[in-house]
Amino acid sequence: MPKSIKNEFTDQLFDAVLSLKTREECYDFFKDVATVAEIQEMSRRLEVARMLSEGATYEEIVDHTGVSTATVSRVKRALDYGADGYKMVLERLEQ
């Protein structure tokens, strides 16, 4: 994780997220802490990661999610060279 995001404020945010117990609690918290556009963008990026991991093409992903090819490339780079956060979450969602 880049040092630039690891600080007491981010720790507090992550602790807050970890304290949420239901999907409705997540909706309530994220509606307060982020804009609708920010939440939608994060959810689309997760869908891009899922589709990439299943072998979808950039064209299929863009058509399905509405994201740009730059976003697909960014997520692909994270899957290939990142901290494996997407991979971890996707594996857990499959269980």
C-alpha atoms as a PDB file:
ATOM      1  CA  MET A   1       0.000   0.000   0.000  1.00  0.00           C
ATOM      2  CA  PRO A   2       1.437   3.410  -0.911  1.00  0.00           C
ATOM      3  CA  LYS A   3       2.497   5.339   2.171  1.00  0.00           C
ATOM      4  CA  SER A   4       0.555   8.357   0.938  1.00  0.00           C
ATOM      5  CA  ILE A   5      -2.789   6.771   1.858  1.00  0.00           C
ATOM      6  CA  LYS A   6      -1.732   5.110   5.117  1.00  0.00           C
ATOM      7  CA  ASN A   7      -2.393   7.524   7.933  1.00  0.00           C
ATOM      8  CA  GLU A   8      -4.604   7.952  10.986  1.00  0.00           C
ATOM      9  CA  PHE A   9      -7.530   9.289   8.930  1.00  0.00           C
ATOM     10  CA  THR A  10      -7.474   6.365   6.520  1.00  0.00           C
ATOM     11  CA  ASP A  11      -7.137   3.958   9.449  1.00  0.00           C
ATOM     12  CA  GLN A  12     -10.247   5.524  10.959  1.00  0.00           C
ATOM     13  CA  LEU A  13     -12.141   5.215   7.657  1.00  0.00           C
ATOM     14  CA  PHE A  14     -11.180   1.568   7.257  1.00  0.00           C
ATOM     15  CA  ASP A  15     -12.103   0.833  10.885  1.00  0.00           C
ATOM     16  CA  ALA A  16     -15.485   2.448  10.204  1.00  0.00           C
ATOM     17  CA  VAL A  17     -16.017   0.251   7.138  1.00  0.00           C
ATOM     18  CA  LEU A  18     -14.998  -2.840   9.085  1.00  0.00           C
ATOM     19  CA  SER A  19     -17.578  -1.969  11.756  1.00  0.00           C
ATOM     20  CA  LEU A  20     -20.485  -2.131   9.271  1.00  0.00           C
ATOM     21  CA  LYS A  21     -22.564  -5.257   9.682  1.00  0.00           C
ATOM     22  CA  THR A  22     -25.218  -5.214   6.948  1.00  0.00           C
ATOM     23  CA  ARG A  23     -25.602  -4.090   3.371  1.00  0.00           C
ATOM     24  CA  GLU A  24     -28.098  -1.448   4.549  1.00  0.00           C
ATOM     25  CA  GLU A  25     -25.515  -0.079   7.004  1.00  0.00           C
ATOM     26  CA  CYS A  26     -23.070   0.112   4.094  1.00  0.00           C
ATOM     27  CA  TYR A  27     -25.603   2.004   1.981  1.00  0.00           C
ATOM     28  CA  ASP A  28     -26.263   4.451   4.817  1.00  0.00           C
ATOM     29  CA  PHE A  29     -22.591   5.054   5.567  1.00  0.00           C
ATOM     30  CA  PHE A  30     -21.420   5.347   1.971  1.00  0.00           C
ATOM     31  CA  LYS A  31     -24.313   7.687   1.068  1.00  0.00           C
ATOM     32  CA  ASP A  32     -23.053  10.005   3.796  1.00  0.00           C
ATOM     33  CA  VAL A  33     -19.325   9.701   3.141  1.00  0.00           C
ATOM     34  CA  ALA A  34     -19.190   9.690  -0.676  1.00  0.00           C
ATOM     35  CA  THR A  35     -21.096  11.089  -3.614  1.00  0.00           C
ATOM     36  CA  VAL A  36     -23.374   8.877  -5.664  1.00  0.00           C
ATOM     37  CA  ALA A  37     -20.916   9.210  -8.560  1.00  0.00           C
ATOM     38  CA  GLU A  38     -17.983   8.081  -6.364  1.00  0.00           C
ATOM     39  CA  ILE A  39     -19.890   5.049  -5.113  1.00  0.00           C
ATOM     40  CA  GLN A  40     -20.974   4.124  -8.630  1.00  0.00           C
ATOM     41  CA  GLU A  41     -17.400   4.497  -9.912  1.00  0.00           C
ATOM     42  CA  MET A  42     -16.023   2.194  -7.197  1.00  0.00           C
ATOM     43  CA  SER A  43     -18.723  -0.390  -7.888  1.00  0.00           C
ATOM     44  CA  ARG A  44     -18.051  -0.241 -11.633  1.00  0.00           C
ATOM     45  CA  ARG A  45     -14.316  -0.736 -11.029  1.00  0.00           C
ATOM     46  CA  LEU A  46     -15.044  -3.853  -9.011  1.00  0.00           C
ATOM     47  CA  GLU A  47     -17.245  -5.129 -11.849  1.00  0.00           C
ATOM     48  CA  VAL A  48     -14.426  -4.374 -14.320  1.00  0.00           C
ATOM     49  CA  ALA A  49     -12.054  -6.419 -12.152  1.00  0.00           C
ATOM     50  CA  ARG A  50     -14.551  -9.287 -12.026  1.00  0.00           C
ATOM     51  CA  MET A  51     -15.024  -9.245 -15.787  1.00  0.00           C
ATOM     52  CA  LEU A  52     -11.286  -9.043 -16.478  1.00  0.00           C
ATOM     53  CA  SER A  53     -10.663 -11.980 -14.164  1.00  0.00           C
ATOM     54  CA  GLU A  54     -13.227 -13.959 -16.174  1.00  0.00           C
ATOM     55  CA  GLY A  55     -11.490 -13.125 -19.460  1.00  0.00           C
ATOM     56  CA  ALA A  56     -13.850 -10.488 -20.850  1.00  0.00           C
ATOM     57  CA  THR A  57     -12.532  -8.184 -23.561  1.00  0.00           C
ATOM     58  CA  TYR A  58     -12.124  -4.449 -23.089  1.00  0.00           C
ATOM     59  CA  GLU A  59     -14.991  -3.901 -25.546  1.00  0.00           C
ATOM     60  CA  GLU A  60     -17.323  -6.203 -23.602  1.00  0.00           C
ATOM     61  CA  ILE A  61     -16.404  -4.475 -20.348  1.00  0.00           C
ATOM     62  CA  VAL A  62     -16.906  -0.966 -21.746  1.00  0.00           C
ATOM     63  CA  ASP A  63     -20.272  -1.979 -23.235  1.00  0.00           C
ATOM     64  CA  HIS A  64     -21.446  -3.606 -19.998  1.00  0.00           C
ATOM     65  CA  THR A  65     -20.209  -1.050 -17.452  1.00  0.00           C
ATOM     66  CA  GLY A  66     -19.988   2.217 -19.368  1.00  0.00           C
ATOM     67  CA  VAL A  67     -16.460   2.913 -18.102  1.00  0.00           C
ATOM     68  CA  SER A  68     -13.697   4.193 -20.358  1.00  0.00           C
ATOM     69  CA  THR A  69     -10.939   2.010 -21.724  1.00  0.00           C
ATOM     70  CA  ALA A  70      -8.583   4.037 -19.515  1.00  0.00           C
ATOM     71  CA  THR A  71     -10.475   2.807 -16.456  1.00  0.00           C
ATOM     72  CA  VAL A  72     -10.317  -0.772 -17.722  1.00  0.00           C
ATOM     73  CA  SER A  73      -6.559  -0.354 -18.206  1.00  0.00           C
ATOM     74  CA  ARG A  74      -6.171   1.099 -14.706  1.00  0.00           C
ATOM     75  CA  VAL A  75      -8.025  -1.833 -13.149  1.00  0.00           C
ATOM     76  CA  LYS A  76      -6.053  -4.314 -15.298  1.00  0.00           C
ATOM     77  CA  ARG A  77      -2.815  -2.743 -14.065  1.00  0.00           C
ATOM     78  CA  ALA A  78      -4.022  -3.086 -10.469  1.00  0.00           C
ATOM     79  CA  LEU A  79      -4.894  -6.749 -11.074  1.00  0.00           C
ATOM     80  CA  ASP A  80      -1.494  -7.418 -12.633  1.00  0.00           C
ATOM     81  CA  TYR A  81       0.786  -5.297 -10.444  1.00  0.00           C
ATOM     82  CA  GLY A  82      -1.237  -4.100  -7.459  1.00  0.00           C
ATOM     83  CA  ALA A  83      -1.596  -5.298  -3.899  1.00  0.00           C
ATOM     84  CA  ASP A  84      -3.997  -8.137  -4.881  1.00  0.00           C
ATOM     85  CA  GLY A  85      -6.919  -6.405  -3.181  1.00  0.00           C
ATOM     86  CA  TYR A  86      -9.261  -7.004  -6.105  1.00  0.00           C
ATOM     87  CA  LYS A  87      -8.243 -10.664  -6.303  1.00  0.00           C
ATOM     88  CA  MET A  88      -8.792 -11.176  -2.577  1.00  0.00           C
ATOM     89  CA  VAL A  89     -12.237  -9.585  -2.623  1.00  0.00           C
ATOM     90  CA  LEU A  90     -13.341 -11.375  -5.786  1.00  0.00           C
ATOM     91  CA  GLU A  91     -12.324 -14.735  -4.315  1.00  0.00           C
ATOM     92  CA  ARG A  92     -14.283 -13.987  -1.145  1.00  0.00           C
ATOM     93  CA  LEU A  93     -17.358 -12.915  -3.112  1.00  0.00           C
ATOM     94  CA  GLU A  94     -17.334 -16.270  -4.922  1.00  0.00           C
ATOM     95  CA  GLN A  95     -17.619 -18.181  -1.618  1.00  0.00           C
END
